[in-house]
Amino acid sequence: MEKKDIEKRKLVFDQYSNTDENGVEYWLARDIMKPLGYTQWRNFETTIKRAMVSCETAKTPVQNHFAEVSKMVSLGSGSTRKLKDYKLTRYACYLIAQNGDPRKDEIALAQAYFAIKTRTQELIEQRVAEIQRLQSRKALSETEKQLASVVFERGVDSRGFARIKSQGDRALFGGHDTKAMKKRLGVSDRKPLADVLPDVTLAAKNLAGAMTAHNVAERDLHGVTNIQNEHVGNNVSVRSTLVERGIYPESLPAEEDTKKVERRLKADERSLPKSEKGFLQQAKSKNSD
């Protein structure tokens, strides 16, 4: 493919780029069908469907990137006809190119064109997810400090508190206490289990712990047995909600140690462009609210 052809086709993709009322860049499928080397809609729609499956496999909401719309076209008789179309984000176009006919020169160009900002966005989204997980870990630490303060005032020592937490974990993780979960996830006895838990599990533990701290104070519960029963009951309730949604916390794999994530993010942040730093600062503020 000659350079002039590449520049010409790049201008075509630029020409069909649109921006919605929220400032989100998008393309219409029927506009980019021919630039992608397709002459028949049914063949192109098959590629779109494959791209939607790829989007779903990546655990990304399909509706956020592929929106079915209608397009009115003029017929030779002077009448109009409604045709099915799709409003596509850059990420959707990138997936379409990835699922297109690799023998087409147009597909190779499109893969490069739509990947330019897509990869950057993926990295930003990854950082945002990591920041959110760190915020969840810090929130859990604060809740556990609050819970410890409440139970220590009511006749529970450090050993009793550890037992309460372990039995709470047993209830949350379907029969696996803290020690068993550490072994299951390959965590050293000296390391906190929470440092390798995914965000959803951290949030679950935080909710159960906050409920226990509230009820222990509200009901003026005393002693290991009473407080443990309260904490176990709260974890059972939280687990029930997770399981109803198809989430089994004991089956979720361990994630990168949050202490390592925090060190890496601090190192990365020093080299981020100003625009990306601003985006991440907004994400931090949002997750702290």
Protein backbone atom coordinates (compact mmCIF):
# COMPACT_ATOMS: atom_id res chain seq x y z
CA MET A 1 0.00 0.00 0.00
CA GLU A 2 1.52 3.32 -1.09
CA LYS A 3 1.85 6.26 1.28
CA LYS A 4 -0.57 8.42 -0.73
CA ASP A 5 -3.23 5.69 -0.47
CA ILE A 6 -2.74 5.50 3.29
CA GLU A 7 -3.12 9.26 3.67
CA LYS A 8 -6.20 9.27 1.42
CA ARG A 9 -7.97 6.55 3.44
CA LYS A 10 -6.96 8.15 6.73
CA LEU A 11 -8.68 11.36 5.57
CA VAL A 12 -11.81 9.32 4.82
CA PHE A 13 -11.98 8.02 8.40
CA ASP A 14 -11.35 11.55 9.69
CA GLN A 15 -14.12 12.86 7.43
CA TYR A 16 -16.73 10.45 8.84
CA SER A 17 -15.82 11.08 12.47
CA ASN A 18 -18.62 12.66 14.51
CA THR A 19 -18.93 14.00 18.05
CA ASP A 20 -22.07 13.61 20.15
CA GLU A 21 -23.50 16.05 22.69
CA ASN A 22 -21.25 14.59 25.40
CA GLY A 23 -18.11 15.11 23.36
CA VAL A 24 -17.70 11.40 22.56
CA GLU A 25 -16.22 10.63 19.15
CA TYR A 26 -18.21 8.15 17.03
CA TRP A 27 -18.68 6.76 13.52
CA LEU A 28 -21.73 5.37 11.71
CA ALA A 29 -21.29 1.83 10.44
CA ARG A 30 -22.73 2.50 6.97
CA ASP A 31 -20.36 5.45 6.52
CA ILE A 32 -17.22 3.38 7.15
CA MET A 33 -18.38 0.13 5.51
CA LYS A 34 -16.84 0.89 2.10
CA PRO A 35 -13.64 2.45 3.49
CA LEU A 36 -13.20 -0.84 5.33
CA GLY A 37 -13.45 -2.73 2.05
CA TYR A 38 -17.02 -4.05 2.32
CA THR A 39 -19.62 -3.64 -0.42
CA GLN A 40 -22.49 -5.64 1.09
CA TRP A 41 -24.15 -4.68 4.37
CA ARG A 42 -24.94 -8.26 5.41
CA ASN A 43 -21.25 -9.20 5.29
CA PHE A 44 -20.24 -6.09 7.17
CA GLU A 45 -22.93 -6.63 9.82
CA THR A 46 -21.57 -10.15 10.39
CA THR A 47 -18.20 -8.56 11.19
CA ILE A 48 -19.93 -6.09 13.53
CA LYS A 49 -21.61 -8.97 15.36
CA ARG A 50 -18.24 -10.70 15.82
CA ALA A 51 -16.81 -7.45 17.17
CA MET A 52 -19.68 -7.23 19.67
CA VAL A 53 -18.87 -10.74 20.89
CA SER A 54 -15.23 -9.69 21.33
CA CYS A 55 -16.38 -6.67 23.31
CA GLU A 56 -18.50 -8.88 25.57
CA THR A 57 -15.63 -11.35 26.01
CA ALA A 58 -13.45 -8.45 27.18
CA LYS A 59 -16.10 -7.80 29.86
CA THR A 60 -16.84 -4.38 28.39
CA PRO A 61 -20.49 -3.27 28.16
CA VAL A 62 -21.45 -3.72 24.50
CA GLN A 63 -24.15 -1.04 24.68
CA ASN A 64 -21.50 1.55 25.60
CA HIS A 65 -19.78 1.09 22.23
CA PHE A 66 -22.34 -0.31 19.77
CA ALA A 67 -25.65 1.56 19.58
CA GLU A 68 -28.22 0.41 17.02
CA VAL A 69 -29.73 3.39 15.19
CA SER A 70 -31.77 4.04 12.04
CA LYS A 71 -30.69 5.97 8.99
CA MET A 72 -33.05 7.43 6.37
CA VAL A 73 -31.91 7.11 2.76
CA SER A 74 -33.42 8.47 -0.45
CA LEU A 75 -34.68 6.04 -3.09
CA GLY A 76 -34.75 6.62 -6.84
CA SER A 77 -38.52 7.21 -6.75
CA GLY A 78 -38.06 10.20 -4.47
CA SER A 79 -39.29 8.31 -1.40
CA THR A 80 -37.18 7.46 1.64
CA ARG A 81 -36.43 4.23 3.43
CA LYS A 82 -35.29 3.51 6.97
CA LEU A 83 -32.12 1.43 7.17
CA LYS A 84 -30.54 -0.20 10.17
CA ASP A 85 -27.23 1.34 11.23
CA TYR A 86 -24.86 1.38 14.21
CA LYS A 87 -23.34 4.26 16.11
CA LEU A 88 -19.80 3.13 16.94
CA THR A 89 -17.16 4.41 19.33
CA ARG A 90 -13.49 4.32 18.36
CA TYR A 91 -13.12 1.16 20.45
CA ALA A 92 -16.02 -0.47 18.56
CA CYS A 93 -14.40 0.46 15.22
CA TYR A 94 -11.12 -0.97 16.45
CA LEU A 95 -12.81 -4.27 17.33
CA ILE A 96 -14.55 -4.34 13.94
CA ALA A 97 -11.19 -3.89 12.24
CA GLN A 98 -9.71 -6.65 14.41
CA ASN A 99 -12.53 -8.97 13.33
CA GLY A 100 -12.47 -7.95 9.67
CA ASP A 101 -11.08 -9.81 6.67
CA PRO A 102 -7.28 -9.70 7.22
CA ARG A 103 -6.71 -10.02 3.45
CA LYS A 104 -8.11 -6.55 2.86
CA ASP A 105 -5.59 -3.69 2.79
CA GLU A 106 -8.32 -1.45 4.19
CA ILE A 107 -8.55 -3.59 7.34
CA ALA A 108 -4.83 -3.31 8.06
CA LEU A 109 -5.06 0.48 7.79
CA ALA A 110 -8.16 0.65 9.96
CA GLN A 111 -6.54 -1.45 12.68
CA ALA A 112 -3.72 1.09 12.91
CA TYR A 113 -6.00 4.13 12.61
CA PHE A 114 -8.49 3.13 15.28
CA ALA A 115 -5.84 1.70 17.63
CA ILE A 116 -4.05 5.04 18.03
CA LYS A 117 -6.23 6.36 20.86
CA THR A 118 -7.86 3.07 21.80
CA ARG A 119 -4.70 1.70 23.41
CA THR A 120 -4.21 4.94 25.34
CA GLN A 121 -7.79 4.72 26.60
CA GLU A 122 -7.28 1.09 27.64
CA LEU A 123 -4.23 2.07 29.71
CA ILE A 124 -6.14 4.91 31.36
CA GLU A 125 -9.07 2.61 32.17
CA GLN A 126 -6.63 0.08 33.66
CA ARG A 127 -5.12 2.77 35.89
CA VAL A 128 -8.57 3.96 36.96
CA ALA A 129 -9.50 0.37 37.93
CA GLU A 130 -6.27 0.05 39.91
CA ILE A 131 -6.90 3.37 41.68
CA GLN A 132 -10.41 2.24 42.55
CA ARG A 133 -9.07 -1.02 43.99
CA LEU A 134 -6.54 0.89 46.10
CA GLN A 135 -9.30 3.15 47.40
CA SER A 136 -11.37 0.07 48.30
CA ARG A 137 -8.38 -1.43 50.14
CA LYS A 138 -7.84 1.78 52.11
CA ALA A 139 -11.55 1.99 52.92
CA LEU A 140 -11.47 -1.57 54.26
CA SER A 141 -8.46 -0.72 56.45
CA GLU A 142 -10.31 2.24 57.93
CA THR A 143 -13.44 0.15 58.56
CA GLU A 144 -11.43 -2.57 60.27
CA LYS A 145 -9.74 0.04 62.50
CA GLN A 146 -13.16 1.36 63.43
CA LEU A 147 -14.44 -2.16 64.10
CA ALA A 148 -11.38 -2.97 66.23
CA SER A 149 -11.92 0.16 68.31
CA VAL A 150 -15.56 -0.75 68.90
CA VAL A 151 -14.94 -4.38 69.87
CA PHE A 152 -11.91 -3.64 72.08
CA GLU A 153 -14.15 -1.39 74.14
CA ARG A 154 -16.46 -4.36 74.69
CA GLY A 155 -14.15 -6.93 76.21
CA VAL A 156 -12.51 -8.39 73.08
CA ASP A 157 -8.70 -8.69 72.86
CA SER A 158 -6.51 -8.93 69.75
CA ARG A 159 -6.75 -12.72 69.63
CA GLY A 160 -10.53 -12.57 69.89
CA PHE A 161 -10.70 -9.93 67.16
CA ALA A 162 -8.61 -12.11 64.84
CA ARG A 163 -11.01 -14.99 65.49
CA ILE A 164 -14.04 -12.78 64.70
CA LYS A 165 -12.49 -11.65 61.42
CA SER A 166 -11.53 -15.20 60.45
CA GLN A 167 -15.02 -16.53 61.09
CA GLY A 168 -16.43 -13.62 59.13
CA ASP A 169 -14.20 -14.66 56.23
CA ARG A 170 -15.43 -18.24 56.57
CA ALA A 171 -18.99 -16.99 56.11
CA LEU A 172 -18.09 -14.73 53.18
CA PHE A 173 -15.90 -17.26 51.36
CA GLY A 174 -18.25 -20.24 51.54
CA GLY A 175 -16.59 -22.15 54.39
CA HIS A 176 -12.99 -20.98 53.87
CA ASP A 177 -11.62 -19.00 56.82
CA THR A 178 -8.76 -16.49 56.52
CA LYS A 179 -6.00 -19.11 56.78
CA ALA A 180 -7.70 -21.36 54.22
CA MET A 181 -8.17 -18.46 51.78
CA LYS A 182 -4.52 -17.48 52.10
CA LYS A 183 -3.50 -21.03 51.22
CA ARG A 184 -6.03 -21.09 48.37
CA LEU A 185 -4.66 -17.85 46.90
CA GLY A 186 -1.00 -18.54 47.66
CA VAL A 187 -0.63 -15.74 50.21
CA SER A 188 2.07 -15.82 52.89
CA ASP A 189 0.87 -16.09 56.49
CA ARG A 190 2.57 -12.76 57.20
CA LYS A 191 0.70 -10.88 54.46
CA PRO A 192 -2.86 -9.54 54.83
CA LEU A 193 -5.35 -11.50 52.73
CA ALA A 194 -7.05 -8.26 51.67
CA ASP A 195 -3.93 -7.09 49.78
CA VAL A 196 -4.60 -9.58 46.95
CA LEU A 197 -8.40 -9.51 46.85
CA PRO A 198 -10.24 -8.05 43.84
CA ASP A 199 -12.21 -4.83 44.17
CA VAL A 200 -15.62 -6.51 44.47
CA THR A 201 -14.45 -8.68 47.39
CA LEU A 202 -12.84 -5.74 49.14
CA ALA A 203 -16.12 -3.84 48.84
CA ALA A 204 -18.02 -6.85 50.22
CA LYS A 205 -15.71 -7.17 53.23
CA ASN A 206 -15.94 -3.44 53.83
CA LEU A 207 -19.74 -3.50 53.82
CA ALA A 208 -19.92 -6.47 56.21
CA GLY A 209 -17.38 -4.87 58.56
CA ALA A 210 -19.21 -1.53 58.56
CA MET A 211 -22.49 -3.29 59.34
CA THR A 212 -20.86 -5.12 62.24
CA ALA A 213 -19.29 -1.94 63.68
CA HIS A 214 -22.64 -0.16 63.44
CA ASN A 215 -24.71 -2.94 65.02
CA VAL A 216 -22.21 -3.71 67.79
CA ALA A 217 -22.36 -0.07 68.88
CA GLU A 218 -26.11 0.31 68.27
CA ARG A 219 -27.05 -2.88 70.12
CA ASP A 220 -24.25 -2.55 72.68
CA LEU A 221 -23.01 -6.10 72.07
CA HIS A 222 -20.26 -7.46 74.32
CA GLY A 223 -17.92 -10.45 74.21
CA VAL A 224 -16.40 -12.51 71.41
CA THR A 225 -19.38 -14.83 70.91
CA ASN A 226 -22.02 -12.12 70.49
CA ILE A 227 -19.88 -9.95 68.24
CA GLN A 228 -18.71 -12.94 66.20
CA ASN A 229 -22.31 -14.04 65.61
CA GLU A 230 -23.15 -10.53 64.44
CA HIS A 231 -20.15 -10.39 62.09
CA VAL A 232 -20.82 -13.87 60.68
CA GLY A 233 -24.47 -12.96 60.05
CA ASN A 234 -23.50 -9.82 58.17
CA ASN A 235 -21.01 -11.71 56.01
CA VAL A 236 -23.63 -14.37 55.26
CA SER A 237 -26.00 -11.62 54.08
CA VAL A 238 -23.35 -9.99 51.89
CA ARG A 239 -22.34 -13.37 50.41
CA SER A 240 -25.98 -14.12 49.62
CA THR A 241 -26.21 -10.92 47.58
CA LEU A 242 -23.01 -11.76 45.69
CA VAL A 243 -24.09 -15.33 44.94
CA GLU A 244 -27.47 -14.11 43.68
CA ARG A 245 -25.53 -12.14 41.06
CA GLY A 246 -23.33 -15.12 40.17
CA ILE A 247 -20.28 -13.96 42.15
CA TYR A 248 -18.53 -16.54 44.33
CA PRO A 249 -15.75 -14.66 46.17
CA GLU A 250 -13.78 -17.81 47.04
CA SER A 251 -13.50 -18.58 43.30
CA LEU A 252 -12.10 -15.20 42.25
CA PRO A 253 -8.35 -15.28 41.54
CA ALA A 254 -5.81 -13.29 43.51
CA GLU A 255 -4.80 -9.94 42.05
CA GLU A 256 -1.55 -8.01 42.23
CA ASP A 257 -0.55 -7.04 45.77
CA THR A 258 -2.05 -3.60 46.43
CA LYS A 259 1.24 -2.39 47.96
CA LYS A 260 3.02 -3.16 44.68
CA VAL A 261 0.22 -1.51 42.70
CA GLU A 262 0.50 1.64 44.80
CA ARG A 263 4.28 1.84 44.32
CA ARG A 264 3.95 1.32 40.57
CA LEU A 265 1.19 3.89 40.18
CA LYS A 266 3.22 6.50 42.04
CA ALA A 267 6.19 5.80 39.77
CA ASP A 268 4.03 5.90 36.62
CA GLU A 269 2.30 9.10 37.65
CA ARG A 270 5.57 11.01 37.60
CA SER A 271 5.91 10.34 33.87
CA LEU A 272 2.26 10.82 32.79
CA PRO A 273 1.29 13.62 30.39
CA LYS A 274 -0.48 16.50 32.10
CA SER A 275 -3.82 15.67 30.45
CA GLU A 276 -3.70 12.09 31.72
CA LYS A 277 -2.68 13.24 35.20
CA GLY A 278 -5.77 15.42 35.26
CA PHE A 279 -7.94 12.46 34.27
CA LEU A 280 -6.48 10.31 37.03
CA GLN A 281 -6.84 13.07 39.63
CA GLN A 282 -10.54 13.26 38.72
CA ALA A 283 -10.81 9.47 39.11
CA LYS A 284 -9.16 9.64 42.54
CA SER A 285 -11.48 12.41 43.67
CA LYS A 286 -14.52 10.51 42.42
CA ASN A 287 -13.49 7.30 44.18
CA SER A 288 -12.81 9.20 47.39
CA ASP A 289 -16.28 10.79 47.52
